[in-house]
Protein backbone atom coordinates (compact mmCIF):
# COMPACT_ATOMS: atom_id res chain seq x y z
CA MET A 1 81.61 74.41 86.25
CA ASN A 2 82.30 76.99 88.60
CA ARG A 3 84.15 78.19 91.57
CA LEU A 4 84.00 78.81 95.34
CA LEU A 5 86.71 81.13 96.96
CA LEU A 6 85.50 80.89 100.84
CA VAL A 7 87.64 83.47 102.63
CA VAL A 8 87.96 82.67 106.93
CA PRO A 9 89.63 84.48 109.33
CA GLY A 10 90.82 82.84 112.42
CA LEU A 11 90.23 78.88 111.56
CA LEU A 12 93.10 77.91 113.12
CA TRP A 13 93.34 79.02 116.73
CA PRO A 14 96.15 80.48 117.12
CA ALA A 15 97.38 79.73 120.90
CA GLN A 16 99.76 77.34 121.11
CA GLN A 17 98.84 75.96 124.32
CA THR A 18 95.30 75.15 123.66
CA HIS A 19 96.44 72.02 122.16
CA ARG A 20 92.55 70.61 120.43
CA PRO A 21 90.49 73.71 120.38
CA ALA A 22 87.83 71.86 118.31
CA GLN A 23 88.06 68.48 120.88
CA ASN A 24 84.58 66.74 120.19
CA MET A 25 82.89 68.65 118.20
CA ALA A 26 81.33 67.03 115.35
CA LEU A 27 82.74 68.38 112.61
CA THR A 28 82.02 65.99 109.63
CA ALA A 29 82.17 68.14 106.96
CA LEU A 30 84.85 70.32 107.67
CA ALA A 31 87.24 67.15 108.12
CA ARG A 32 86.10 65.28 105.02
CA LEU A 33 87.34 68.48 103.16
CA LEU A 34 90.62 68.63 104.49
CA GLY A 35 90.97 64.69 103.87
CA ARG A 36 90.38 64.46 100.26
CA GLY A 37 91.89 68.42 99.14
CA ARG A 38 95.57 69.66 98.53
CA ARG A 39 96.55 71.83 102.03
CA ARG A 40 99.71 74.04 102.55
CA ILE A 41 100.76 75.69 105.80
CA GLU A 42 100.87 79.48 105.49
CA ALA A 43 102.90 81.69 107.28
CA HIS A 44 101.31 84.86 109.10
CA THR A 45 99.83 87.76 106.96
CA HIS A 46 97.96 90.65 107.93
CA GLU A 47 94.13 90.07 107.37
CA GLU A 48 93.63 93.64 105.80
CA CYS A 49 96.34 92.98 103.74
CA PHE A 50 95.71 89.17 102.91
CA LEU A 51 92.72 90.88 101.16
CA ALA A 52 94.37 93.27 99.32
CA ARG A 53 96.69 90.88 97.92
CA LEU A 54 93.53 88.85 97.02
CA PHE A 55 92.40 91.76 95.27
CA GLY A 56 95.81 92.32 93.56
CA VAL A 57 96.54 95.23 95.68
CA ASP A 58 100.30 93.83 96.68
CA ASP A 59 101.75 97.32 97.81
CA GLU A 60 103.66 97.66 100.70
CA MET A 61 101.40 99.99 102.41
CA PRO A 62 98.02 99.33 101.09
CA PRO A 63 95.08 101.83 101.61
CA LEU A 64 93.52 100.41 104.09
CA ALA A 65 91.09 102.77 105.70
CA ALA A 66 90.19 104.00 102.27
CA LEU A 67 89.23 100.27 101.23
CA ARG A 68 87.45 99.84 104.13
CA HIS A 69 85.28 103.06 104.68
CA LEU A 70 84.26 102.97 100.81
CA GLY A 71 83.22 99.18 102.10
CA GLU A 72 80.99 100.63 104.65
CA ASP A 73 77.18 101.55 104.10
CA ASP A 74 77.25 104.96 102.72
CA GLY A 75 80.73 103.75 100.88
CA PRO A 76 79.38 104.38 97.13
CA ALA A 77 78.84 108.37 97.81
CA SER A 78 82.57 108.25 99.59
CA GLU A 79 83.36 107.48 95.50
CA SER A 80 82.87 111.10 94.76
CA ASP A 81 85.74 112.58 96.96
CA PRO A 82 88.48 111.60 94.80
CA GLY A 83 90.28 114.40 97.17
CA ALA A 84 89.66 112.68 100.80
CA HIS A 85 93.07 110.85 102.44
CA TRP A 86 91.55 108.46 104.88
CA LEU A 87 92.46 107.06 108.21
CA CYS A 88 90.98 104.23 110.73
CA ALA A 89 90.68 105.85 114.19
CA ASP A 90 88.83 103.03 115.83
CA PRO A 91 87.95 103.90 119.42
CA VAL A 92 89.89 101.71 122.13
CA ASN A 93 90.71 101.41 125.28
CA LEU A 94 94.00 101.43 127.28
CA SER A 95 95.25 100.25 130.45
CA LEU A 96 97.96 100.25 132.87
CA THR A 97 99.25 96.88 133.55
CA ARG A 98 102.58 96.58 135.29
CA GLU A 99 104.96 99.07 133.58
CA HIS A 100 102.97 98.57 129.80
CA LEU A 101 99.66 100.39 128.19
CA LEU A 102 97.67 97.41 126.54
CA LEU A 103 95.79 98.09 124.25
CA ALA A 104 91.79 96.38 123.64
CA ASP A 105 89.32 96.97 121.25
CA PHE A 106 85.89 97.06 121.36
CA ALA A 107 83.03 94.98 120.95
CA ASP A 108 79.87 95.96 118.48
CA ASP A 109 77.45 96.14 120.91
CA GLU A 110 80.10 97.67 123.95
CA ILE A 111 78.94 101.94 122.58
CA ASP A 112 76.09 103.12 121.43
CA LYS A 113 75.52 105.56 118.71
CA THR A 114 74.98 108.10 120.93
CA GLU A 115 78.70 108.37 122.97
CA ALA A 116 80.14 107.75 119.43
CA ALA A 117 78.76 110.92 118.04
CA ALA A 118 79.14 112.82 121.36
CA LEU A 119 82.92 112.26 121.34
CA ILE A 120 83.35 112.49 117.57
CA ALA A 121 81.73 116.12 118.23
CA ALA A 122 84.07 116.62 120.93
CA LEU A 123 86.81 115.02 118.89
CA THR A 124 86.21 117.48 115.29
CA ALA A 125 85.63 120.56 117.72
CA ASP A 126 89.22 120.59 119.41
CA PHE A 127 91.08 119.35 116.63
CA PRO A 128 89.77 120.88 113.78
CA ASP A 129 93.59 121.16 112.00
CA LEU A 130 93.88 117.34 112.01
CA GLY A 131 90.84 116.55 109.75
CA GLN A 132 86.73 115.18 109.68
CA PHE A 133 86.44 112.77 112.15
CA SER A 134 82.97 110.66 111.58
CA ALA A 135 81.78 107.22 112.56
CA ALA A 136 80.30 104.57 110.52
CA THR A 137 79.65 102.15 113.12
CA PRO A 138 79.94 103.02 117.27
CA THR A 139 83.20 101.07 116.58
CA ARG A 140 84.56 101.79 113.36
CA TRP A 141 85.90 105.30 113.38
CA TYR A 142 87.57 107.53 110.68
CA LEU A 143 89.32 110.66 109.72
CA ARG A 144 89.39 112.31 106.80
CA ARG A 145 91.88 114.51 105.95
CA GLU A 146 93.24 116.33 102.79
CA ARG A 147 96.92 114.73 102.62
CA PRO A 148 98.51 111.77 102.79
CA PRO A 149 99.86 110.80 106.37
CA THR A 150 103.83 109.92 105.78
CA VAL A 151 104.35 107.70 109.04
CA ARG A 152 103.82 104.24 108.83
CA PHE A 153 100.75 102.65 111.40
CA ALA A 154 99.75 99.38 112.88
CA PRO A 155 97.31 97.14 112.14
CA LEU A 156 94.81 97.66 115.22
CA HIS A 157 94.25 93.93 115.06
CA ASP A 158 98.11 93.30 115.33
CA ALA A 159 98.80 95.49 118.40
CA VAL A 160 95.01 94.08 119.99
CA GLY A 161 96.18 92.79 123.77
CA ARG A 162 99.36 94.02 123.79
CA SER A 163 101.65 97.00 124.48
CA ILE A 164 101.41 99.82 122.40
CA LEU A 165 104.79 100.57 122.83
CA HIS A 166 106.07 98.29 119.38
CA PHE A 167 102.72 99.61 117.49
CA LEU A 168 103.31 103.26 117.96
CA PRO A 169 103.57 105.58 114.52
CA GLU A 170 107.24 105.35 112.68
CA GLY A 171 109.12 107.61 110.78
CA GLU A 172 111.09 107.00 107.93
CA GLU A 173 114.45 105.56 108.37
CA GLY A 174 116.19 109.02 109.81
CA ASP A 175 113.18 110.75 109.87
CA ASP A 176 111.16 110.52 112.95
CA HIS A 177 109.41 114.33 112.94
CA ASP A 178 106.15 113.06 111.39
CA ALA A 179 106.21 110.11 114.00
CA ARG A 180 106.91 112.17 116.93
CA HIS A 181 104.00 114.53 115.45
CA TRP A 182 101.74 111.81 115.71
CA ARG A 183 102.54 110.17 118.74
CA HIS A 184 101.69 113.74 120.48
CA ILE A 185 98.64 114.44 118.00
CA LEU A 186 97.75 110.35 120.17
CA ASN A 187 98.48 111.69 123.36
CA GLU A 188 96.85 115.12 122.99
CA VAL A 189 93.25 113.35 121.86
CA GLN A 190 94.03 110.38 125.25
CA ILE A 191 93.60 113.99 127.41
CA ALA A 192 90.45 114.88 125.44
CA LEU A 193 88.72 111.65 125.93
CA HIS A 194 89.93 111.09 129.57
CA HIS A 195 87.63 114.49 130.67
CA HIS A 196 84.92 113.99 128.33
CA PRO A 197 81.86 113.21 129.99
CA VAL A 198 80.65 109.99 128.31
CA ASN A 199 83.79 108.19 130.02
CA LYS A 200 82.92 109.86 132.85
CA ALA A 201 79.52 108.52 133.14
CA ARG A 202 80.76 105.15 131.74
CA GLU A 203 83.54 104.49 134.06
CA ALA A 204 80.61 105.43 137.00
CA ALA A 205 78.73 102.34 135.41
CA GLY A 206 81.82 100.51 135.92
CA ARG A 207 81.92 100.11 131.43
CA ARG A 208 85.25 100.05 129.93
CA ALA A 209 86.41 103.77 129.18
CA ILE A 210 87.24 104.88 125.24
CA ASN A 211 90.31 106.45 126.33
CA SER A 212 92.17 106.44 123.26
CA LEU A 213 92.35 106.08 119.47
CA TRP A 214 94.07 104.03 116.87
CA PHE A 215 94.89 105.43 113.95
CA TRP A 216 95.65 103.06 110.72
CA GLY A 217 95.24 102.04 107.68
CA GLY A 218 96.60 105.61 106.36
CA SER A 219 98.31 105.45 102.22
CA PRO A 220 97.82 107.06 99.08
CA ARG A 221 95.77 104.89 96.41
CA PRO A 222 97.21 102.50 95.04
CA ASP A 223 98.72 102.22 91.41
CA THR A 224 96.90 99.52 90.81
CA THR A 225 93.42 99.43 90.70
CA PRO A 226 91.84 95.93 92.81
CA ARG A 227 91.03 93.06 90.30
CA ALA A 228 88.48 90.70 92.06
CA PRO A 229 89.38 87.13 92.04
CA CYS A 230 85.47 86.25 91.04
CA PRO A 231 82.22 87.85 89.26
CA ALA A 232 80.77 87.75 92.52
CA ILE A 233 82.07 88.95 95.83
CA GLN A 234 79.96 87.96 99.51
CA ALA A 235 80.80 89.33 102.63
CA LEU A 236 79.90 91.59 105.63
CA ASP A 237 83.46 92.55 106.45
CA PRO A 238 83.56 96.39 105.36
CA MET A 239 87.53 95.88 103.94
CA ALA A 240 86.01 93.00 101.72
CA ARG A 241 83.08 95.02 100.41
CA GLY A 242 85.72 98.12 100.01
CA LEU A 243 87.42 96.00 97.65
CA ALA A 244 84.65 94.76 95.90
CA ARG A 245 83.29 97.90 95.18
CA ALA A 246 86.74 99.62 94.21
CA ALA A 247 86.92 96.66 91.75
CA SER A 248 83.74 97.51 90.13
CA ILE A 249 81.56 94.72 92.05
CA GLU A 250 78.88 95.39 94.57
CA PRO A 251 78.96 93.31 96.70
CA GLY A 252 75.99 90.77 98.40
CA LEU A 253 75.49 89.08 101.53
CA PRO A 254 76.94 86.06 102.82
CA ASP A 255 74.58 83.21 101.11
CA VAL A 256 75.52 79.77 100.89
CA ALA A 257 72.81 79.05 97.91
CA ALA A 258 73.55 81.49 96.02
CA ALA A 259 77.35 81.16 96.25
CA LEU A 260 77.38 77.78 94.73
CA ARG A 261 75.39 78.44 92.15
CA ALA A 262 77.96 81.15 90.74
CA GLU A 263 81.19 81.48 91.05
CA SER A 264 81.93 83.96 93.93
CA LEU A 265 84.41 84.42 96.39
CA VAL A 266 83.25 84.55 100.29
CA VAL A 267 84.64 86.39 103.02
CA LEU A 268 83.54 84.65 106.75
CA ASN A 269 84.72 87.05 109.73
CA GLU A 270 82.60 84.88 112.25
CA LEU A 271 86.11 83.36 113.57
CA ALA A 272 88.43 86.34 113.07
CA ALA A 273 86.88 88.35 116.78
CA PRO A 274 86.66 85.27 118.95
CA ALA A 275 89.94 84.26 117.76
CA ARG A 276 91.79 87.64 118.54
CA HIS A 277 90.51 87.69 121.52
CA ARG A 278 91.10 83.90 122.40
CA ASP A 279 87.53 83.18 123.37
CA LEU A 280 87.26 79.69 122.94
CA ASP A 281 83.49 79.46 123.57
CA ALA A 282 82.77 82.08 121.10
CA TRP A 283 85.30 80.29 118.44
CA ARG A 284 83.45 77.02 119.59
CA THR A 285 79.60 77.86 118.60
CA ALA A 286 80.76 80.14 115.83
CA LEU A 287 82.44 77.01 113.43
CA ALA A 288 80.08 74.98 114.82
CA ALA A 289 77.59 77.36 112.46
CA LEU A 290 79.84 77.31 110.20
CA GLU A 291 79.93 73.89 109.59
CA THR A 292 75.99 73.39 109.19
CA ASP A 293 75.55 76.43 106.96
CA TRP A 294 78.71 76.42 104.86
CA PHE A 295 80.90 73.17 104.97
CA ALA A 296 78.29 70.95 104.99
CA PRO A 297 76.35 72.18 101.65
CA ILE A 298 79.78 72.84 100.22
CA ALA A 299 80.75 68.75 101.04
CA ALA A 300 77.47 67.60 99.73
CA ALA A 301 78.21 70.06 96.58
CA LEU A 302 80.98 68.40 96.14
CA ASP A 303 80.25 64.91 96.81
CA GLY A 304 77.17 65.09 94.43
CA GLY A 305 79.17 65.93 91.15
CA GLY A 306 77.06 68.67 90.32
CA SER A 307 78.10 72.79 89.40
CA LEU A 308 80.79 73.25 91.98
CA HIS A 309 84.29 72.34 89.85
CA GLN A 310 86.48 73.46 92.43
CA PHE A 311 86.53 74.63 96.06
CA GLN A 312 89.04 76.94 97.63
CA LEU A 313 89.41 77.61 101.41
CA LEU A 314 92.05 80.25 102.54
CA ALA A 315 91.95 80.39 106.44
CA PRO A 316 94.52 83.12 107.33
CA GLY A 317 95.57 83.17 110.93
CA GLU A 318 97.61 85.48 113.58
CA ARG A 319 99.96 83.34 113.72
CA ILE A 320 99.57 80.88 110.89
CA GLY A 321 96.95 80.19 108.37
CA PHE A 322 96.55 77.32 105.54
CA SER A 323 94.98 77.16 102.37
CA LEU A 324 92.82 74.33 100.93
CA THR A 325 92.17 72.79 97.03
CA VAL A 326 89.81 70.77 96.36
CA SER A 327 88.30 69.54 93.10
CA HIS A 328 85.06 68.16 92.43
CA ARG A 329 87.04 64.74 91.52
CA ALA A 330 88.22 64.59 94.80
CA ARG A 331 85.00 62.87 95.71
CA TRP A 332 86.34 59.64 93.98
CA CYS A 333 89.18 59.05 96.37
CA PHE A 334 87.87 57.21 98.68
CA TRP A 335 91.03 56.26 100.23
CA ARG A 336 91.50 59.88 101.65
CA LYS A 337 90.61 59.78 105.26
CA PRO A 338 89.32 62.58 106.65
CA LEU A 339 91.61 65.07 108.87
CA ALA A 340 90.38 66.59 111.75
CA LEU A 341 90.95 70.29 112.59
CA ASP A 342 92.67 69.96 115.17
CA ASP A 343 95.45 67.57 113.42
CA LEU A 344 95.79 70.39 110.74
CA HIS A 345 96.42 72.88 113.85
CA ALA A 346 98.89 70.47 116.02
CA ALA A 347 100.57 70.08 112.18
CA GLY A 348 100.50 74.25 112.04
CA ILE A 349 101.75 74.92 115.32
CA LYS A 350 104.97 72.20 114.57
CA SER A 351 105.60 73.30 111.13
CA GLU A 352 105.62 76.57 112.84
CA SER A 353 107.68 75.68 115.72
CA ALA A 354 110.43 74.47 113.01
CA ARG A 355 110.79 77.78 110.88
CA GLN A 356 111.66 79.34 114.39
CA THR A 357 114.04 77.77 114.90
CA GLN A 358 116.03 77.67 111.47
């Protein structure tokens, strides 16, 4: 008998004004699982911090950049650099709207490797005292430093689509000197990027400029070693893969057949970006694929009385999330009716509204 723990960020659509985001979708297996299991609406938590806590890293400021870097394709090699301190330095676009600078991230196919390499080389040359810049992918950049920063950085996903004014680096209470220093660095970086030929060419072609970086995830290494909740980890997400490697487990790629054969934690991020960007069509397309590729085989395994003993679904969200636990015994609970995802979405909105009025 084994257990499957499935983490699906963005499964609950975050926009309250969209009342039935999954309307007219054939989500039979998901509805059956939701109806038969024990459900609980959860408060918002950062997606990256949620994963860290799942591995027992409950620090106030977990070293998210170091963990994500460890999960990149060259992650195992980075373990041989124990003196390094890492910051995520992801490329972003800032646009002026009325009186606010709004931050937007880039999709994986919006920046090519040549552009990323040219900008990384320029930043390293222009800011030699800051550290060593590198790019694991065209949209995931890093800054290696000799010592950790002493300020608080907001996670990139919290700032996307919002004014950066409320997400700039913050110092400890009563000491804002280092925070002001990092804000100055950010301004200097923006000036350097603005004048770079890569961005001149992008703007001439009608493409969004890579006109800023977003520093985040920096923190000293945790006092506790991550502990994997399951002996097998499957994920494409580099944060989840880094946590697995920090827990001495080499992660595999998502594979439902393998996940049903052995106790596994699987992290599926297909819904996260569409939910974050309010791209309902992309979210529905990805959800339909999850229904076919994951929820249907899981429901069938539970109904068939095979080796799957327990299924847990964890869905952290931008505004709210939920958890679901379904035992193999639930197949005998015929009186429990299926629950549509949209009905759970409505219940979550009602719960959040009630909490806000308290």
